PDB file of N, CA and C in Angstrom:
ATOM      1  N   MET A   1      97.630  77.145  79.407  1.00  0.00           N
ATOM      2  CA  MET A   1      98.187  78.459  79.156  1.00  0.00           C
ATOM      3  C   MET A   1      97.148  79.382  78.534  1.00  0.00           C
ATOM      4  N   GLN A   2      96.287  78.850  77.687  1.00  0.00           N
ATOM      5  CA  GLN A   2      95.266  79.652  77.027  1.00  0.00           C
ATOM      6  C   GLN A   2      94.288  80.219  78.049  1.00  0.00           C
ATOM      7  N   ALA A   3      93.903  79.450  79.040  1.00  0.00           N
ATOM      8  CA  ALA A   3      92.956  79.922  80.055  1.00  0.00           C
ATOM      9  C   ALA A   3      93.565  81.064  80.863  1.00  0.00           C
ATOM     10  N   LYS A   4      94.839  80.971  81.171  1.00  0.00           N
ATOM     11  CA  LYS A   4      95.507  82.036  81.920  1.00  0.00           C
ATOM     12  C   LYS A   4      95.563  83.328  81.100  1.00  0.00           C
ATOM     13  N   THR A   5      95.853  83.207  79.818  1.00  0.00           N
ATOM     14  CA  THR A   5      95.904  84.377  78.945  1.00  0.00           C
ATOM     15  C   THR A   5      94.537  85.025  78.840  1.00  0.00           C
ATOM     16  N   LYS A   6      93.496  84.228  78.679  1.00  0.00           N
ATOM     17  CA  LYS A   6      92.135  84.767  78.594  1.00  0.00           C
ATOM     18  C   LYS A   6      91.748  85.436  79.905  1.00  0.00           C
ATOM     19  N   PHE A   7      92.116  84.833  81.033  1.00  0.00           N
ATOM     20  CA  PHE A   7      91.828  85.415  82.342  1.00  0.00           C
ATOM     21  C   PHE A   7      92.506  86.784  82.491  1.00  0.00           C
ATOM     22  N   LEU A   8      93.791  86.863  82.104  1.00  0.00           N
ATOM     23  CA  LEU A   8      94.516  88.131  82.197  1.00  0.00           C
ATOM     24  C   LEU A   8      93.910  89.184  81.282  1.00  0.00           C
ATOM     25  N   PHE A   9      93.452  88.769  80.101  1.00  0.00           N
ATOM     26  CA  PHE A   9      92.808  89.696  79.172  1.00  0.00           C
ATOM     27  C   PHE A   9      91.528  90.257  79.773  1.00  0.00           C
ATOM     28  N   VAL A  10      90.720  89.405  80.361  1.00  0.00           N
ATOM     29  CA  VAL A  10      89.453  89.842  80.972  1.00  0.00           C
ATOM     30  C   VAL A  10      89.725  90.747  82.166  1.00  0.00           C
ATOM     31  N   VAL A  11      90.685  90.388  82.996  1.00  0.00           N
ATOM     32  CA  VAL A  11      91.024  91.207  84.162  1.00  0.00           C
ATOM     33  C   VAL A  11      91.550  92.574  83.720  1.00  0.00           C
ATOM     34  N   SER A  12      92.402  92.607  82.706  1.00  0.00           N
ATOM     35  CA  SER A  12      92.930  93.895  82.245  1.00  0.00           C
ATOM     36  C   SER A  12      91.813  94.758  81.675  1.00  0.00           C
ATOM     37  N   LYS A  13      90.851  94.162  80.985  1.00  0.00           N
ATOM     38  CA  LYS A  13      89.724  94.932  80.459  1.00  0.00           C
ATOM     39  C   LYS A  13      88.908  95.532  81.603  1.00  0.00           C
ATOM     40  N   LYS A  14      88.697  94.780  82.659  1.00  0.00           N
ATOM     41  CA  LYS A  14      87.944  95.298  83.812  1.00  0.00           C
ATOM     42  C   LYS A  14      88.714  96.415  84.508  1.00  0.00           C
ATOM     43  N   ILE A  15      90.013  96.275  84.603  1.00  0.00           N
ATOM     44  CA  ILE A  15      90.839  97.311  85.226  1.00  0.00           C
ATOM     45  C   ILE A  15      90.796  98.589  84.405  1.00  0.00           C
ATOM     46  N   PHE A  16      90.942  98.470  83.081  1.00  0.00           N
ATOM     47  CA  PHE A  16      90.891  99.662  82.222  1.00  0.00           C
ATOM     48  C   PHE A  16      89.518 100.316  82.258  1.00  0.00           C
ATOM     49  N   PHE A  17      88.452  99.498  82.293  1.00  0.00           N
ATOM     50  CA  PHE A  17      87.106 100.060  82.418  1.00  0.00           C
ATOM     51  C   PHE A  17      86.957 100.793  83.745  1.00  0.00           C
ATOM     52  N   SER A  18      87.470 100.209  84.822  1.00  0.00           N
ATOM     53  CA  SER A  18      87.383 100.837  86.144  1.00  0.00           C
ATOM     54  C   SER A  18      88.118 102.175  86.161  1.00  0.00           C
ATOM     55  N   PHE A  19      89.305 102.224  85.544  1.00  0.00           N
ATOM     56  CA  PHE A  19      90.041 103.485  85.481  1.00  0.00           C
ATOM     57  C   PHE A  19      89.311 104.514  84.614  1.00  0.00           C
ATOM     58  N   THR A  20      88.657 104.064  83.556  1.00  0.00           N
ATOM     59  CA  THR A  20      87.874 104.964  82.706  1.00  0.00           C
ATOM     60  C   THR A  20      86.764 105.616  83.521  1.00  0.00           C
ATOM     61  N   VAL A  21      86.029 104.811  84.276  1.00  0.00           N
ATOM     62  CA  VAL A  21      84.953 105.335  85.120  1.00  0.00           C
ATOM     63  C   VAL A  21      85.520 106.257  86.198  1.00  0.00           C
ATOM     64  N   LEU A  22      86.644 105.868  86.794  1.00  0.00           N
ATOM     65  CA  LEU A  22      87.270 106.685  87.828  1.00  0.00           C
ATOM     66  C   LEU A  22      87.661 108.055  87.288  1.00  0.00           C
ATOM     67  N   MET A  23      88.195 108.117  86.079  1.00  0.00           N
ATOM     68  CA  MET A  23      88.601 109.402  85.501  1.00  0.00           C
ATOM     69  C   MET A  23      87.401 110.322  85.307  1.00  0.00           C
ATOM     70  N   ILE A  24      86.288 109.800  84.828  1.00  0.00           N
ATOM     71  CA  ILE A  24      85.124 110.662  84.613  1.00  0.00           C
ATOM     72  C   ILE A  24      84.532 111.101  85.950  1.00  0.00           C
ATOM     73  N   LEU A  25      84.597 110.247  86.956  1.00  0.00           N
ATOM     74  CA  LEU A  25      84.104 110.636  88.285  1.00  0.00           C
ATOM     75  C   LEU A  25      84.986 111.713  88.914  1.00  0.00           C
ATOM     76  N   ILE A  26      86.294 111.605  88.736  1.00  0.00           N
ATOM     77  CA  ILE A  26      87.205 112.643  89.233  1.00  0.00           C
ATOM     78  C   ILE A  26      86.917 113.966  88.526  1.00  0.00           C
ATOM     79  N   ASN A  27      86.654 113.901  87.226  1.00  0.00           N
ATOM     80  CA  ASN A  27      86.336 115.115  86.483  1.00  0.00           C
ATOM     81  C   ASN A  27      85.047 115.746  86.995  1.00  0.00           C
ATOM     82  N   PHE A  28      84.019 114.952  87.217  1.00  0.00           N
ATOM     83  CA  PHE A  28      82.754 115.477  87.751  1.00  0.00           C
ATOM     84  C   PHE A  28      82.955 116.069  89.146  1.00  0.00           C
ATOM     85  N   ALA A  29      83.738 115.398  89.972  1.00  0.00           N
ATOM     86  CA  ALA A  29      84.017 115.915  91.313  1.00  0.00           C
ATOM     87  C   ALA A  29      84.799 117.230  91.223  1.00  0.00           C
ATOM     88  N   GLY A  30      85.736 117.312  90.302  1.00  0.00           N
ATOM     89  CA  GLY A  30      86.509 118.541  90.122  1.00  0.00           C
ATOM     90  C   GLY A  30      85.620 119.710  89.728  1.00  0.00           C
ATOM     91  N   TRP A  31      84.684 119.475  88.812  1.00  0.00           N
ATOM     92  CA  TRP A  31      83.755 120.547  88.438  1.00  0.00           C
ATOM     93  C   TRP A  31      82.859 120.933  89.604  1.00  0.00           C
ATOM     94  N   THR A  32      82.465 119.957  90.400  1.00  0.00           N
ATOM     95  CA  THR A  32      81.639 120.248  91.581  1.00  0.00           C
ATOM     96  C   THR A  32      82.404 121.139  92.551  1.00  0.00           C
ATOM     97  N   PHE A  33      83.649 120.777  92.851  1.00  0.00           N
ATOM     98  CA  PHE A  33      84.473 121.607  93.739  1.00  0.00           C
ATOM     99  C   PHE A  33      84.695 122.991  93.151  1.00  0.00           C
ATOM    100  N   TYR A  34      84.906 123.047  91.833  1.00  0.00           N
ATOM    101  CA  TYR A  34      85.128 124.327  91.163  1.00  0.00           C
ATOM    102  C   TYR A  34      83.936 125.258  91.365  1.00  0.00           C
ATOM    103  N   TYR A  35      82.729 124.740  91.151  1.00  0.00           N
ATOM    104  CA  TYR A  35      81.536 125.575  91.287  1.00  0.00           C
ATOM    105  C   TYR A  35      81.151 125.837  92.742  1.00  0.00           C
ATOM    106  N   LEU A  36      81.698 125.056  93.652  1.00  0.00           N
ATOM    107  CA  LEU A  36      81.492 125.327  95.076  1.00  0.00           C
ATOM    108  C   LEU A  36      82.478 126.373  95.598  1.00  0.00           C
ATOM    109  N   GLY A  37      83.403 126.794  94.763  1.00  0.00           N
ATOM    110  CA  GLY A  37      84.338 127.854  95.152  1.00  0.00           C
ATOM    111  C   GLY A  37      85.732 127.391  95.476  1.00  0.00           C
ATOM    112  N   TYR A  38      85.989 126.097  95.404  1.00  0.00           N
ATOM    113  CA  TYR A  38      87.336 125.575  95.664  1.00  0.00           C
ATOM    114  C   TYR A  38      88.118 125.609  94.354  1.00  0.00           C
ATOM    115  N   GLN A  39      88.618 126.782  93.997  1.00  0.00           N
ATOM    116  CA  GLN A  39      89.260 126.973  92.704  1.00  0.00           C
ATOM    117  C   GLN A  39      90.773 127.070  92.867  1.00  0.00           C
ATOM    118  N   TYR A  40      91.363 126.004  93.368  1.00  0.00           N
ATOM    119  CA  TYR A  40      92.804 125.927  93.543  1.00  0.00           C
ATOM    120  C   TYR A  40      93.431 125.445  92.242  1.00  0.00           C
ATOM    121  N   GLY A  41      94.586 126.036  91.896  1.00  0.00           N
ATOM    122  CA  GLY A  41      95.243 125.702  90.641  1.00  0.00           C
ATOM    123  C   GLY A  41      95.536 124.226  90.479  1.00  0.00           C
ATOM    124  N   TRP A  42      96.094 123.595  91.497  1.00  0.00           N
ATOM    125  CA  TRP A  42      96.451 122.177  91.393  1.00  0.00           C
ATOM    126  C   TRP A  42      95.210 121.304  91.235  1.00  0.00           C
ATOM    127  N   LEU A  43      94.105 121.690  91.894  1.00  0.00           N
ATOM    128  CA  LEU A  43      92.872 120.915  91.784  1.00  0.00           C
ATOM    129  C   LEU A  43      92.294 121.024  90.372  1.00  0.00           C
ATOM    130  N   ILE A  44      92.378 122.213  89.796  1.00  0.00           N
ATOM    131  CA  ILE A  44      91.882 122.411  88.432  1.00  0.00           C
ATOM    132  C   ILE A  44      92.728 121.618  87.438  1.00  0.00           C
ATOM    133  N   VAL A  45      94.035 121.680  87.598  1.00  0.00           N
ATOM    134  CA  VAL A  45      94.919 120.969  86.666  1.00  0.00           C
ATOM    135  C   VAL A  45      94.698 119.463  86.739  1.00  0.00           C
ATOM    136  N   ILE A  46      94.578 118.929  87.936  1.00  0.00           N
ATOM    137  CA  ILE A  46      94.388 117.486  88.070  1.00  0.00           C
ATOM    138  C   ILE A  46      93.007 117.058  87.587  1.00  0.00           C
ATOM    139  N   SER A  47      91.957 117.732  88.087  1.00  0.00           N
ATOM    140  CA  SER A  47      90.599 117.242  87.836  1.00  0.00           C
ATOM    141  C   SER A  47      90.007 117.682  86.508  1.00  0.00           C
ATOM    142  N   GLN A  48      90.535 118.735  85.901  1.00  0.00           N
ATOM    143  CA  GLN A  48      89.935 119.211  84.660  1.00  0.00           C
ATOM    144  C   GLN A  48      90.892 119.179  83.479  1.00  0.00           C
ATOM    145  N   PHE A  49      92.173 119.094  83.733  1.00  0.00           N
ATOM    146  CA  PHE A  49      93.128 119.042  82.632  1.00  0.00           C
ATOM    147  C   PHE A  49      93.741 117.654  82.465  1.00  0.00           C
ATOM    148  N   ALA A  50      94.177 117.038  83.541  1.00  0.00           N
ATOM    149  CA  ALA A  50      94.881 115.758  83.413  1.00  0.00           C
ATOM    150  C   ALA A  50      93.938 114.581  83.201  1.00  0.00           C
ATOM    151  N   VAL A  51      92.800 114.552  83.896  1.00  0.00           N
ATOM    152  CA  VAL A  51      91.955 113.357  83.830  1.00  0.00           C
ATOM    153  C   VAL A  51      91.159 113.237  82.536  1.00  0.00           C
ATOM    154  N   VAL A  52      90.937 114.333  81.829  1.00  0.00           N
ATOM    155  CA  VAL A  52      90.188 114.237  80.571  1.00  0.00           C
ATOM    156  C   VAL A  52      90.952 113.396  79.539  1.00  0.00           C
ATOM    157  N   PRO A  53      92.234 113.699  79.261  1.00  0.00           N
ATOM    158  CA  PRO A  53      92.945 112.823  78.335  1.00  0.00           C
ATOM    159  C   PRO A  53      93.189 111.422  78.903  1.00  0.00           C
ATOM    160  N   LEU A  54      93.321 111.329  80.230  1.00  0.00           N
ATOM    161  CA  LEU A  54      93.481 109.995  80.822  1.00  0.00           C
ATOM    162  C   LEU A  54      92.219 109.157  80.638  1.00  0.00           C
ATOM    163  N   TYR A  55      91.062 109.814  80.656  1.00  0.00           N
ATOM    164  CA  TYR A  55      89.812 109.113  80.364  1.00  0.00           C
ATOM    165  C   TYR A  55      89.893 108.475  78.976  1.00  0.00           C
ATOM    166  N   TYR A  56      90.309 109.262  77.984  1.00  0.00           N
ATOM    167  CA  TYR A  56      90.412 108.737  76.625  1.00  0.00           C
ATOM    168  C   TYR A  56      91.499 107.671  76.515  1.00  0.00           C
ATOM    169  N   LEU A  57      92.587 107.844  77.249  1.00  0.00           N
ATOM    170  CA  LEU A  57      93.656 106.847  77.232  1.00  0.00           C
ATOM    171  C   LEU A  57      93.158 105.504  77.758  1.00  0.00           C
ATOM    172  N   PHE A  58      92.502 105.522  78.913  1.00  0.00           N
ATOM    173  CA  PHE A  58      92.007 104.265  79.482  1.00  0.00           C
ATOM    174  C   PHE A  58      90.859 103.685  78.663  1.00  0.00           C
ATOM    175  N   PHE A  59      90.036 104.555  78.061  1.00  0.00           N
ATOM    176  CA  PHE A  59      88.993 104.065  77.171  1.00  0.00           C
ATOM    177  C   PHE A  59      89.611 103.335  75.983  1.00  0.00           C
ATOM    178  N   GLY A  60      90.675 103.920  75.425  1.00  0.00           N
ATOM    179  CA  GLY A  60      91.366 103.272  74.318  1.00  0.00           C
ATOM    180  C   GLY A  60      91.994 101.947  74.714  1.00  0.00           C
ATOM    181  N   LEU A  61      92.562 101.887  75.908  1.00  0.00           N
ATOM    182  CA  LEU A  61      93.123 100.618  76.390  1.00  0.00           C
ATOM    183  C   LEU A  61      92.024  99.590  76.625  1.00  0.00           C
ATOM    184  N   TRP A  62      90.898 100.046  77.169  1.00  0.00           N
ATOM    185  CA  TRP A  62      89.767  99.146  77.416  1.00  0.00           C
ATOM    186  C   TRP A  62      89.255  98.553  76.109  1.00  0.00           C
ATOM    187  N   LYS A  63      89.171  99.350  75.072  1.00  0.00           N
ATOM    188  CA  LYS A  63      88.640  98.894  73.783  1.00  0.00           C
ATOM    189  C   LYS A  63      89.734  98.420  72.824  1.00  0.00           C
ATOM    190  N   SER A  64      90.985  98.370  73.285  1.00  0.00           N
ATOM    191  CA  SER A  64      92.142  97.973  72.475  1.00  0.00           C
ATOM    192  C   SER A  64      92.277  98.833  71.218  1.00  0.00           C
ATOM    193  N   ASN A  65      92.032 100.112  71.363  1.00  0.00           N
ATOM    194  CA  ASN A  65      92.152 101.070  70.266  1.00  0.00           C
ATOM    195  C   ASN A  65      93.466 101.827  70.488  1.00  0.00           C
ATOM    196  N   TYR A  66      94.527 101.314  69.890  1.00  0.00           N
ATOM    197  CA  TYR A  66      95.849 101.839  70.180  1.00  0.00           C
ATOM    198  C   TYR A  66      96.126 103.160  69.476  1.00  0.00           C
ATOM    199  N   LEU A  67      95.403 103.473  68.408  1.00  0.00           N
ATOM    200  CA  LEU A  67      95.502 104.791  67.808  1.00  0.00           C
ATOM    201  C   LEU A  67      94.978 105.843  68.786  1.00  0.00           C
ATOM    202  N   LEU A  68      93.881 105.536  69.448  1.00  0.00           N
ATOM    203  CA  LEU A  68      93.347 106.429  70.473  1.00  0.00           C
ATOM    204  C   LEU A  68      94.307 106.559  71.651  1.00  0.00           C
ATOM    205  N   VAL A  69      94.930 105.468  72.038  1.00  0.00           N
ATOM    206  CA  VAL A  69      95.904 105.504  73.144  1.00  0.00           C
ATOM    207  C   VAL A  69      97.061 106.445  72.807  1.00  0.00           C
ATOM    208  N   GLY A  70      97.558 106.359  71.585  1.00  0.00           N
ATOM    209  CA  GLY A  70      98.664 107.224  71.174  1.00  0.00           C
ATOM    210  C   GLY A  70      98.273 108.693  71.144  1.00  0.00           C
ATOM    211  N   THR A  71      97.123 108.999  70.560  1.00  0.00           N
ATOM    212  CA  THR A  71      96.698 110.395  70.495  1.00  0.00           C
ATOM    213  C   THR A  71      96.309 110.924  71.872  1.00  0.00           C
ATOM    214  N   ALA A  72      95.738 110.073  72.717  1.00  0.00           N
ATOM    215  CA  ALA A  72      95.395 110.490  74.075  1.00  0.00           C
ATOM    216  C   ALA A  72      96.653 110.773  74.896  1.00  0.00           C
ATOM    217  N   SER A  73      97.708 110.035  74.648  1.00  0.00           N
ATOM    218  CA  SER A  73      98.972 110.297  75.351  1.00  0.00           C
ATOM    219  C   SER A  73      99.527 111.663  74.980  1.00  0.00           C
ATOM    220  N   LEU A  74      99.494 111.973  73.695  1.00  0.00           N
ATOM    221  CA  LEU A  74      99.935 113.291  73.239  1.00  0.00           C
ATOM    222  C   LEU A  74      99.010 114.379  73.794  1.00  0.00           C
ATOM    223  N   PHE A  75      97.707 114.129  73.765  1.00  0.00           N
ATOM    224  CA  PHE A  75      96.721 115.050  74.315  1.00  0.00           C
ATOM    225  C   PHE A  75      96.972 115.285  75.806  1.00  0.00           C
ATOM    226  N   PHE A  76      97.308 114.222  76.541  1.00  0.00           N
ATOM    227  CA  PHE A  76      97.601 114.333  77.966  1.00  0.00           C
ATOM    228  C   PHE A  76      98.777 115.277  78.215  1.00  0.00           C
ATOM    229  N   ILE A  77      99.839 115.083  77.468  1.00  0.00           N
ATOM    230  CA  ILE A  77     101.039 115.906  77.663  1.00  0.00           C
ATOM    231  C   ILE A  77     100.737 117.375  77.373  1.00  0.00           C
ATOM    232  N   ILE A  78     100.147 117.644  76.221  1.00  0.00           N
ATOM    233  CA  ILE A  78      99.891 119.026  75.822  1.00  0.00           C
ATOM    234  C   ILE A  78      98.853 119.686  76.728  1.00  0.00           C
ATOM    235  N   HIS A  79      97.774 118.996  77.007  1.00  0.00           N
ATOM    236  CA  HIS A  79      96.683 119.560  77.806  1.00  0.00           C
ATOM    237  C   HIS A  79      97.121 119.826  79.245  1.00  0.00           C
ATOM    238  N   THR A  80      97.875 118.911  79.831  1.00  0.00           N
ATOM    239  CA  THR A  80      98.318 119.074  81.212  1.00  0.00           C
ATOM    240  C   THR A  80      99.361 120.194  81.322  1.00  0.00           C
ATOM    241  N   ILE A  81     100.268 120.278  80.369  1.00  0.00           N
ATOM    242  CA  ILE A  81     101.247 121.375  80.380  1.00  0.00           C
ATOM    243  C   ILE A  81     100.530 122.712  80.238  1.00  0.00           C
ATOM    244  N   ASN A  82      99.525 122.775  79.367  1.00  0.00           N
ATOM    245  CA  ASN A  82      98.755 123.994  79.195  1.00  0.00           C
ATOM    246  C   ASN A  82      98.064 124.391  80.504  1.00  0.00           C
ATOM    247  N   GLY A  83      97.448 123.443  81.173  1.00  0.00           N
ATOM    248  CA  GLY A  83      96.810 123.725  82.460  1.00  0.00           C
ATOM    249  C   GLY A  83      97.804 124.153  83.514  1.00  0.00           C
ATOM    250  N   TYR A  84      98.956 123.497  83.536  1.00  0.00           N
ATOM    251  CA  TYR A  84      99.996 123.842  84.497  1.00  0.00           C
ATOM    252  C   TYR A  84     100.484 125.272  84.279  1.00  0.00           C
ATOM    253  N   MET A  85     100.685 125.632  83.014  1.00  0.00           N
ATOM    254  CA  MET A  85     101.165 126.973  82.707  1.00  0.00           C
ATOM    255  C   MET A  85     100.120 128.045  83.033  1.00  0.00           C
ATOM    256  N   ASN A  86      98.858 127.734  82.878  1.00  0.00           N
ATOM    257  CA  ASN A  86      97.817 128.719  83.113  1.00  0.00           C
ATOM    258  C   ASN A  86      97.331 128.797  84.554  1.00  0.00           C
ATOM    259  N   PHE A  87      97.413 127.708  85.302  1.00  0.00           N
ATOM    260  CA  PHE A  87      96.844 127.708  86.648  1.00  0.00           C
ATOM    261  C   PHE A  87      97.854 127.517  87.768  1.00  0.00           C
ATOM    262  N   ILE A  88      99.036 127.030  87.470  1.00  0.00           N
ATOM    263  CA  ILE A  88     100.049 126.853  88.511  1.00  0.00           C
ATOM    264  C   ILE A  88     101.111 127.947  88.409  1.00  0.00           C
ATOM    265  N   ILE A  89     101.651 128.149  87.232  1.00  0.00           N
ATOM    266  CA  ILE A  89     102.726 129.134  87.056  1.00  0.00           C
ATOM    267  C   ILE A  89     102.188 130.542  87.093  1.00  0.00           C
ATOM    268  N   LYS A  90     101.151 130.848  86.346  1.00  0.00           N
ATOM    269  CA  LYS A  90     100.488 132.164  86.314  1.00  0.00           C
ATOM    270  C   LYS A  90     101.464 133.336  86.319  1.00  0.00           C
ATOM    271  N   LYS A  91     102.082 133.617  85.231  1.00  0.00           N
ATOM    272  CA  LYS A  91     103.025 134.741  85.183  1.00  0.00           C
ATOM    273  C   LYS A  91     102.298 136.050  85.136  1.00  0.00           C
TER     274      LYS A  91
END
């Protein structure tokens, strides 16, 4: 049973690391599209507002820093709503 638990722990760490890298790559791609002139509201919200806190969330999960996970979750909600209100709704 101990070997299975250790295996799952190692696999989960690799998955969280992979998601951390994926979030930063999505952010870099979003900035690239932004500067190339593809300035669509949904693309900005996803690539520049949502993935930044998700990067911190997955980093916290990767490093087992649950205080960071909690604050990143709150950051995700507030930051994404702010982006949605400014780039999707646009009153």
